[in-house]
PDB file of N, CA and C in Angstrom:
ATOM      1  N   MET A   1     -10.702   7.064 -22.897  1.00  0.00           N
ATOM      2  CA  MET A   1     -11.292   6.155 -21.852  1.00  0.00           C
ATOM      3  C   MET A   1     -10.377   6.156 -20.775  1.00  0.00           C
ATOM      4  N   ILE A   2     -10.753   6.329 -19.733  1.00  0.00           N
ATOM      5  CA  ILE A   2      -9.824   5.924 -18.448  1.00  0.00           C
ATOM      6  C   ILE A   2     -10.051   4.561 -18.132  1.00  0.00           C
ATOM      7  N   ARG A   3      -9.006   3.867 -18.018  1.00  0.00           N
ATOM      8  CA  ARG A   3      -8.833   2.461 -17.605  1.00  0.00           C
ATOM      9  C   ARG A   3      -8.429   2.331 -16.109  1.00  0.00           C
ATOM     10  N   ARG A   4      -7.626   3.128 -15.439  1.00  0.00           N
ATOM     11  CA  ARG A   4      -7.411   2.983 -14.168  1.00  0.00           C
ATOM     12  C   ARG A   4      -6.955   4.372 -13.591  1.00  0.00           C
ATOM     13  N   LEU A   5      -7.043   4.365 -12.299  1.00  0.00           N
ATOM     14  CA  LEU A   5      -6.401   5.520 -11.604  1.00  0.00           C
ATOM     15  C   LEU A   5      -5.189   5.049 -10.803  1.00  0.00           C
ATOM     16  N   ALA A   6      -4.073   5.860 -10.822  1.00  0.00           N
ATOM     17  CA  ALA A   6      -2.890   5.472 -10.108  1.00  0.00           C
ATOM     18  C   ALA A   6      -2.401   6.576  -9.358  1.00  0.00           C
ATOM     19  N   GLU A   7      -1.955   6.307  -8.057  1.00  0.00           N
ATOM     20  CA  GLU A   7      -1.389   7.308  -7.040  1.00  0.00           C
ATOM     21  C   GLU A   7       0.097   7.617  -7.757  1.00  0.00           C
ATOM     22  N   GLY A   8       0.683   8.751  -7.334  1.00  0.00           N
ATOM     23  CA  GLY A   8       2.036   9.213  -7.811  1.00  0.00           C
ATOM     24  C   GLY A   8       2.919   7.986  -7.050  1.00  0.00           C
ATOM     25  N   SER A   9       4.052   7.754  -7.723  1.00  0.00           N
ATOM     26  CA  SER A   9       5.090   6.874  -7.165  1.00  0.00           C
ATOM     27  C   SER A   9       6.539   7.416  -7.384  1.00  0.00           C
ATOM     28  N   ALA A  10       7.321   6.702  -6.897  1.00  0.00           N
ATOM     29  CA  ALA A  10       8.700   7.021  -7.158  1.00  0.00           C
ATOM     30  C   ALA A  10       9.208   6.945  -8.482  1.00  0.00           C
ATOM     31  N   ARG A  11       8.553   5.898  -9.268  1.00  0.00           N
ATOM     32  CA  ARG A  11       8.813   5.713 -10.763  1.00  0.00           C
ATOM     33  C   ARG A  11       7.496   5.797 -11.389  1.00  0.00           C
ATOM     34  N   PRO A  12       6.929   7.086 -11.726  1.00  0.00           N
ATOM     35  CA  PRO A  12       5.814   7.263 -12.447  1.00  0.00           C
ATOM     36  C   PRO A  12       5.880   6.756 -13.845  1.00  0.00           C
ATOM     37  N   ARG A  13       4.819   6.267 -14.407  1.00  0.00           N
ATOM     38  CA  ARG A  13       4.872   5.772 -15.695  1.00  0.00           C
ATOM     39  C   ARG A  13       4.534   6.725 -16.788  1.00  0.00           C
ATOM     40  N   PRO A  14       3.574   7.554 -16.685  1.00  0.00           N
ATOM     41  CA  PRO A  14       3.348   8.533 -17.629  1.00  0.00           C
ATOM     42  C   PRO A  14       4.178   9.707 -17.473  1.00  0.00           C
ATOM     43  N   ARG A  15       4.354  10.564 -18.454  1.00  0.00           N
ATOM     44  CA  ARG A  15       5.298  11.632 -18.332  1.00  0.00           C
ATOM     45  C   ARG A  15       4.289  12.954 -18.109  1.00  0.00           C
ATOM     46  N   HIS A  16       3.023  12.787 -17.779  1.00  0.00           N
ATOM     47  CA  HIS A  16       2.336  13.924 -17.383  1.00  0.00           C
ATOM     48  C   HIS A  16       1.258  13.552 -16.323  1.00  0.00           C
ATOM     49  N   ALA A  17       0.676  14.583 -15.730  1.00  0.00           N
ATOM     50  CA  ALA A  17      -0.389  14.441 -14.720  1.00  0.00           C
ATOM     51  C   ALA A  17      -1.641  15.162 -15.131  1.00  0.00           C
ATOM     52  N   VAL A  18      -2.675  14.803 -14.729  1.00  0.00           N
ATOM     53  CA  VAL A  18      -4.027  15.574 -14.996  1.00  0.00           C
ATOM     54  C   VAL A  18      -4.678  15.988 -13.618  1.00  0.00           C
ATOM     55  N   PRO A  19      -4.229  17.011 -13.153  1.00  0.00           N
ATOM     56  CA  PRO A  19      -4.896  17.592 -11.962  1.00  0.00           C
ATOM     57  C   PRO A  19      -6.311  18.004 -12.236  1.00  0.00           C
ATOM     58  N   GLY A  20      -7.194  18.164 -11.310  1.00  0.00           N
ATOM     59  CA  GLY A  20      -8.564  18.727 -11.655  1.00  0.00           C
ATOM     60  C   GLY A  20      -9.290  18.727 -10.630  1.00  0.00           C
ATOM     61  N   LEU A  21     -10.613  19.124 -10.756  1.00  0.00           N
ATOM     62  CA  LEU A  21     -11.581  19.403  -9.827  1.00  0.00           C
ATOM     63  C   LEU A  21     -12.721  18.326 -10.266  1.00  0.00           C
ATOM     64  N   ARG A  22     -13.114  17.656  -9.224  1.00  0.00           N
ATOM     65  CA  ARG A  22     -14.290  16.655  -9.681  1.00  0.00           C
ATOM     66  C   ARG A  22     -15.714  17.205  -9.075  1.00  0.00           C
ATOM     67  N   PHE A  23     -16.733  17.239  -9.958  1.00  0.00           N
ATOM     68  CA  PHE A  23     -18.013  17.463  -9.408  1.00  0.00           C
ATOM     69  C   PHE A  23     -18.641  16.204  -9.135  1.00  0.00           C
ATOM     70  N   CYS A  24     -19.330  15.887  -8.098  1.00  0.00           N
ATOM     71  CA  CYS A  24     -19.881  14.539  -7.854  1.00  0.00           C
ATOM     72  C   CYS A  24     -21.200  14.743  -7.391  1.00  0.00           C
ATOM     73  N   ASN A  25     -21.997  13.844  -7.595  1.00  0.00           N
ATOM     74  CA  ASN A  25     -23.559  14.004  -7.044  1.00  0.00           C
ATOM     75  C   ASN A  25     -23.443  13.607  -5.469  1.00  0.00           C
ATOM     76  N   ARG A  26     -24.626  13.602  -4.924  1.00  0.00           N
ATOM     77  CA  ARG A  26     -24.623  13.322  -3.515  1.00  0.00           C
ATOM     78  C   ARG A  26     -24.504  11.742  -3.144  1.00  0.00           C
ATOM     79  N   HIS A  27     -24.466  10.834  -3.947  1.00  0.00           N
ATOM     80  CA  HIS A  27     -24.319   9.632  -3.731  1.00  0.00           C
ATOM     81  C   HIS A  27     -22.803   9.320  -3.408  1.00  0.00           C
ATOM     82  N   VAL A  28     -21.943  10.364  -3.846  1.00  0.00           N
ATOM     83  CA  VAL A  28     -20.377  10.062  -3.495  1.00  0.00           C
ATOM     84  C   VAL A  28     -20.299  10.098  -1.889  1.00  0.00           C
ATOM     85  N   VAL A  29     -21.074  10.781  -1.339  1.00  0.00           N
ATOM     86  CA  VAL A  29     -21.040  11.062   0.091  1.00  0.00           C
ATOM     87  C   VAL A  29     -21.138   9.804   0.861  1.00  0.00           C
ATOM     88  N   ASP A  30     -22.193   8.909   0.518  1.00  0.00           N
ATOM     89  CA  ASP A  30     -22.308   7.580   1.112  1.00  0.00           C
ATOM     90  C   ASP A  30     -20.988   6.680   0.671  1.00  0.00           C
ATOM     91  N   LEU A  31     -20.555   6.752  -0.422  1.00  0.00           N
ATOM     92  CA  LEU A  31     -19.193   5.973  -0.956  1.00  0.00           C
ATOM     93  C   LEU A  31     -18.045   6.522   0.129  1.00  0.00           C
ATOM     94  N   ALA A  32     -17.981   7.670   0.381  1.00  0.00           N
ATOM     95  CA  ALA A  32     -16.848   8.158   1.235  1.00  0.00           C
ATOM     96  C   ALA A  32     -16.902   7.724   2.581  1.00  0.00           C
ATOM     97  N   ARG A  33     -18.220   7.673   3.097  1.00  0.00           N
ATOM     98  CA  ARG A  33     -18.458   7.095   4.388  1.00  0.00           C
ATOM     99  C   ARG A  33     -18.029   5.664   4.613  1.00  0.00           C
ATOM    100  N   ALA A  34     -18.191   4.871   3.435  1.00  0.00           N
ATOM    101  CA  ALA A  34     -17.993   3.404   3.499  1.00  0.00           C
ATOM    102  C   ALA A  34     -16.537   3.025   3.336  1.00  0.00           C
ATOM    103  N   LEU A  35     -15.712   4.083   2.900  1.00  0.00           N
ATOM    104  CA  LEU A  35     -14.285   3.908   2.671  1.00  0.00           C
ATOM    105  C   LEU A  35     -13.600   3.427   3.991  1.00  0.00           C
ATOM    106  N   ARG A  36     -12.626   2.547   3.899  1.00  0.00           N
ATOM    107  CA  ARG A  36     -11.880   2.171   5.106  1.00  0.00           C
ATOM    108  C   ARG A  36     -10.436   2.659   4.901  1.00  0.00           C
ATOM    109  N   PRO A  37      -9.862   3.243   5.882  1.00  0.00           N
ATOM    110  CA  PRO A  37      -8.381   3.785   5.646  1.00  0.00           C
ATOM    111  C   PRO A  37      -7.573   2.620   5.306  1.00  0.00           C
ATOM    112  N   ARG A  38      -6.619   2.991   4.611  1.00  0.00           N
ATOM    113  CA  ARG A  38      -5.533   2.137   4.060  1.00  0.00           C
ATOM    114  C   ARG A  38      -4.674   1.774   5.386  1.00  0.00           C
ATOM    115  N   VAL A  39      -3.502   0.874   5.023  1.00  0.00           N
ATOM    116  CA  VAL A  39      -2.643   0.366   6.139  1.00  0.00           C
ATOM    117  C   VAL A  39      -2.120   1.709   7.026  1.00  0.00           C
ATOM    118  N   ARG A  40      -1.647   2.742   6.448  1.00  0.00           N
ATOM    119  CA  ARG A  40      -1.024   3.740   6.987  1.00  0.00           C
ATOM    120  C   ARG A  40      -2.231   4.669   7.703  1.00  0.00           C
ATOM    121  N   GLY A  41      -3.503   4.353   7.660  1.00  0.00           N
ATOM    122  CA  GLY A  41      -4.419   5.040   8.291  1.00  0.00           C
ATOM    123  C   GLY A  41      -4.936   6.340   7.506  1.00  0.00           C
ATOM    124  N   GLU A  42      -4.739   6.227   6.111  1.00  0.00           N
ATOM    125  CA  GLU A  42      -5.157   7.350   5.299  1.00  0.00           C
ATOM    126  C   GLU A  42      -6.243   6.931   4.314  1.00  0.00           C
ATOM    127  N   SER A  43      -7.036   7.675   3.891  1.00  0.00           N
ATOM    128  CA  SER A  43      -7.996   7.510   2.750  1.00  0.00           C
ATOM    129  C   SER A  43      -7.410   8.222   1.609  1.00  0.00           C
ATOM    130  N   LYS A  44      -7.565   7.584   0.339  1.00  0.00           N
ATOM    131  CA  LYS A  44      -7.159   8.251  -0.911  1.00  0.00           C
ATOM    132  C   LYS A  44      -8.203   8.700  -1.710  1.00  0.00           C
ATOM    133  N   THR A  45      -8.062   9.921  -2.418  1.00  0.00           N
ATOM    134  CA  THR A  45      -9.145  10.273  -3.315  1.00  0.00           C
ATOM    135  C   THR A  45      -9.248   9.215  -4.389  1.00  0.00           C
ATOM    136  N   THR A  46      -8.217   8.695  -4.922  1.00  0.00           N
ATOM    137  CA  THR A  46      -8.449   7.566  -5.871  1.00  0.00           C
ATOM    138  C   THR A  46      -9.247   6.547  -5.602  1.00  0.00           C
ATOM    139  N   ASP A  47      -9.339   6.194  -4.361  1.00  0.00           N
ATOM    140  CA  ASP A  47     -10.074   5.066  -3.856  1.00  0.00           C
ATOM    141  C   ASP A  47     -11.562   5.481  -3.999  1.00  0.00           C
ATOM    142  N   LEU A  48     -11.938   6.597  -3.718  1.00  0.00           N
ATOM    143  CA  LEU A  48     -13.277   7.123  -3.724  1.00  0.00           C
ATOM    144  C   LEU A  48     -13.740   7.336  -5.089  1.00  0.00           C
ATOM    145  N   VAL A  49     -12.872   7.785  -6.041  1.00  0.00           N
ATOM    146  CA  VAL A  49     -13.246   8.056  -7.445  1.00  0.00           C
ATOM    147  C   VAL A  49     -13.348   6.682  -8.165  1.00  0.00           C
ATOM    148  N   SER A  50     -12.419   5.681  -7.789  1.00  0.00           N
ATOM    149  CA  SER A  50     -12.530   4.457  -8.401  1.00  0.00           C
ATOM    150  C   SER A  50     -13.945   3.818  -8.170  1.00  0.00           C
ATOM    151  N   ARG A  51     -14.466   3.846  -6.927  1.00  0.00           N
ATOM    152  CA  ARG A  51     -15.739   3.410  -6.557  1.00  0.00           C
ATOM    153  C   ARG A  51     -16.847   4.146  -7.205  1.00  0.00           C
ATOM    154  N   TRP A  52     -16.787   5.401  -7.499  1.00  0.00           N
ATOM    155  CA  TRP A  52     -17.795   6.271  -7.968  1.00  0.00           C
ATOM    156  C   TRP A  52     -17.937   6.151  -9.375  1.00  0.00           C
ATOM    157  N   CYS A  53     -16.694   5.935 -10.195  1.00  0.00           N
ATOM    158  CA  CYS A  53     -17.037   5.884 -11.554  1.00  0.00           C
ATOM    159  C   CYS A  53     -17.468   4.452 -12.163  1.00  0.00           C
TER     160      CYS A  53
END
């Protein structure tokens, strides 16, 4: 079970990463439109996936 998603950091907790391809339904498009950029003006995939799951 996935409990949370985390972006990479200077001190990563796990010793592995799980790259992958996500297949989403069309509902995810509405969620993506509703995302607001972070302080640095960027949107993160983890923000979208966290809302979609």
